[in-house]
């Protein structure tokens, strides 16, 4: 049996309190990001994330989400700290 290729995607991390977001990736595993988001939520932050599978261009995702929400795009890794040792 051959090795299964994991599909890569981007993850949009949204901080609703500060009206900012970042587009992370591309990645094939978002487990560490989801854990970081859950920890931030438990600490009282209004933060969530969602995956984007059908757009291969980070800048297009940033422009689209900013236009939909009026939130400000931040550089990757700036909205939440992730422990990548879980990857």
Protein backbone atom coordinates (compact mmCIF):
# COMPACT_ATOMS: atom_id res chain seq x y z
CA UNK A 1 0.00 0.00 0.00
CA UNK A 2 1.38 3.41 -0.97
CA UNK A 3 1.80 6.42 1.25
CA UNK A 4 -1.28 8.63 1.41
CA UNK A 5 -0.58 12.23 0.48
CA UNK A 6 -2.09 14.70 2.94
CA UNK A 7 -3.91 17.64 1.44
CA UNK A 8 -2.44 21.02 2.37
CA UNK A 9 -4.60 23.96 3.37
CA UNK A 10 -4.47 27.35 5.04
CA UNK A 11 -5.87 28.16 8.46
CA UNK A 12 -7.40 31.53 9.23
CA UNK A 13 -7.00 32.51 12.91
CA UNK A 14 -9.39 35.28 13.96
CA UNK A 15 -9.15 37.50 17.04
CA UNK A 16 -12.58 39.14 17.27
CA UNK A 17 -11.65 41.27 20.31
CA UNK A 18 -8.89 43.07 18.41
CA UNK A 19 -10.47 42.75 14.95
CA UNK A 20 -7.39 41.11 13.45
CA UNK A 21 -6.64 37.80 11.76
CA UNK A 22 -3.75 35.86 10.28
CA UNK A 23 -3.58 33.26 7.56
CA UNK A 24 -1.35 30.38 8.60
CA UNK A 25 0.16 27.68 6.43
CA UNK A 26 -0.03 26.00 4.14
CA UNK A 27 -0.24 22.97 6.44
CA UNK A 28 -1.59 19.45 6.50
CA UNK A 29 -2.18 19.20 10.27
CA UNK A 30 -3.84 21.93 12.34
CA UNK A 31 -3.89 20.06 15.66
CA UNK A 32 -1.43 22.38 17.42
CA UNK A 33 -3.32 25.43 16.14
CA UNK A 34 -6.66 24.09 17.37
CA UNK A 35 -5.17 23.39 20.79
CA UNK A 36 -3.77 26.93 20.98
CA UNK A 37 -7.15 28.40 20.00
CA UNK A 38 -8.95 26.30 22.63
CA UNK A 39 -6.44 27.41 25.28
CA UNK A 40 -6.92 31.05 24.31
CA UNK A 41 -10.71 30.65 24.48
CA UNK A 42 -10.41 29.05 27.93
CA UNK A 43 -8.37 32.09 28.99
CA UNK A 44 -11.22 34.37 27.90
CA UNK A 45 -10.09 35.45 24.43
CA UNK A 46 -12.65 35.75 21.66
CA UNK A 47 -10.70 33.80 19.07
CA UNK A 48 -11.54 31.13 16.53
CA UNK A 49 -10.09 29.52 13.43
CA UNK A 50 -11.28 27.93 10.21
CA UNK A 51 -9.59 26.10 7.38
CA UNK A 52 -9.46 27.19 3.75
CA UNK A 53 -9.02 24.28 1.35
CA UNK A 54 -9.93 25.75 -2.02
CA UNK A 55 -7.63 28.76 -2.30
CA UNK A 56 -3.88 28.25 -2.80
CA UNK A 57 -2.97 31.96 -2.49
CA UNK A 58 -2.53 33.46 1.02
CA UNK A 59 -2.94 37.04 -0.25
CA UNK A 60 -6.29 36.24 -1.87
CA UNK A 61 -7.53 34.73 1.41
CA UNK A 62 -6.34 37.80 3.33
CA UNK A 63 -7.99 40.26 0.94
CA UNK A 64 -11.24 38.30 0.86
CA UNK A 65 -11.59 37.94 4.64
CA UNK A 66 -10.60 41.56 5.25
CA UNK A 67 -13.23 42.72 2.74
CA UNK A 68 -15.92 40.53 4.36
CA UNK A 69 -15.17 41.57 7.94
CA UNK A 70 -13.16 44.83 7.93
CA UNK A 71 -10.65 43.01 10.19
CA UNK A 72 -6.94 43.71 9.68
CA UNK A 73 -4.64 41.00 8.34
CA UNK A 74 -1.53 40.42 10.46
CA UNK A 75 1.57 38.46 9.54
CA UNK A 76 1.47 34.70 10.13
CA UNK A 77 2.13 33.68 13.72
CA UNK A 78 1.20 37.04 15.19
CA UNK A 79 -2.39 36.43 16.38
CA UNK A 80 -1.66 33.42 18.59
CA UNK A 81 1.40 31.55 19.85
CA UNK A 82 1.50 27.87 18.88
CA UNK A 83 3.59 25.10 20.41
CA UNK A 84 4.82 23.29 17.28
CA UNK A 85 6.39 20.50 19.32
CA UNK A 86 2.95 18.85 19.09
CA UNK A 87 3.23 18.55 15.30
